[in-house]
């Protein structure tokens, strides 16, 4: 099938946490015979911070963030068998959603792909004029980055015909063990941009343990932390490109995952870093959230903390041998059950099923 995919960016992970997710899914769909064109706006300096070249598994159409260019890319939706509008494009989101779904050919499968369902659902609850209220009943599918049963029930309550979570996963060709690099050495490392609904949890789960363990080394990567006051043994290294994530994950004793407030509240929302860390064989410490057991077993494949004091205690007790055992167990589990090949197979099956349903509805 020809897929027109309108998202934030395939080429850059700069202020764009969905990049790895898009790459893993779209590259696997290409291997299954689908032809994907990814439309991304030239915005937020992402094109100046590309971390991959245009790939051979997707055509990438970078368009200026102007109304004229928007009209052009909307018009191209008519050529596709599947039209996907992702959340969080960041430029003309509502106009893009309404435009491409209206422009889609009569036979086309129409999909809204939500990479931040908790935030979107909060908007829907608070704004009766949100464009999704009008569009949801006409869509064939809502796919979500995570969220599990609470998100499915909420979307179907708002009128979605069908909502299916397609969780993050691992591309083992991209994220895998590599030799450690001294520049990423630490007892506990955290990688994530500074965001309003994450900052308080970073203070609790990362900065508080750092203050409790002045003799240990802490490393934080990501955008926006330059002006944040931190304990003296915390080192900030700024944006870490996707190509550097393997070394970041393998060079420390343990890697920390901290969910955003909304993701933690909803549950069933494993971040990309969970799979990247496991793929690299890193020992992962995560904050607690509902649904974790679907992906990793507590105490065997991941260490779980309910607050900063528990993070500090995990770091105190962790030996290199135990860290290695946990990392190896996590890698085996994720390789067995949570790769993008599995997610791609899930999406491919959904597309084929929806194609049959759509033909039945229109009588062709």
Foldseek 3Di string as FASTA:
>chain_A
DEEEEEAQDCFFCAVNQCNVVCVLQQLLLLVVPYAYEYEAECDPCRVVHGPDDPDPSYHYHYFYLDPVRLLVSLLCLQVGQEYEYEPDNPGCNQVSLVSNVVNHHLLHAYEYEYAPQLVVLVVVVVDVPRSCLVCQQVHLEYEYQWQPPVSQVSSVVSRHPGYYYLYAAADLVQAAADDADVVLEFLEEEEDADDPQFVVQCCKAPQVLCVVCVVTAYEYEEPDCPPPDGPPRYHYDYHDGSSCLLNNLNRYQAYEDTDGNSCQVSFGHDGNNLNSNLRNLFAYEYEDHPPCVVQDDDPQQHDYDPTNVSSNVCSVPRDSVSRNRNSPVNNVRRVVPGGSNVSNVVVVVVSVVSSVVSCVVVVD
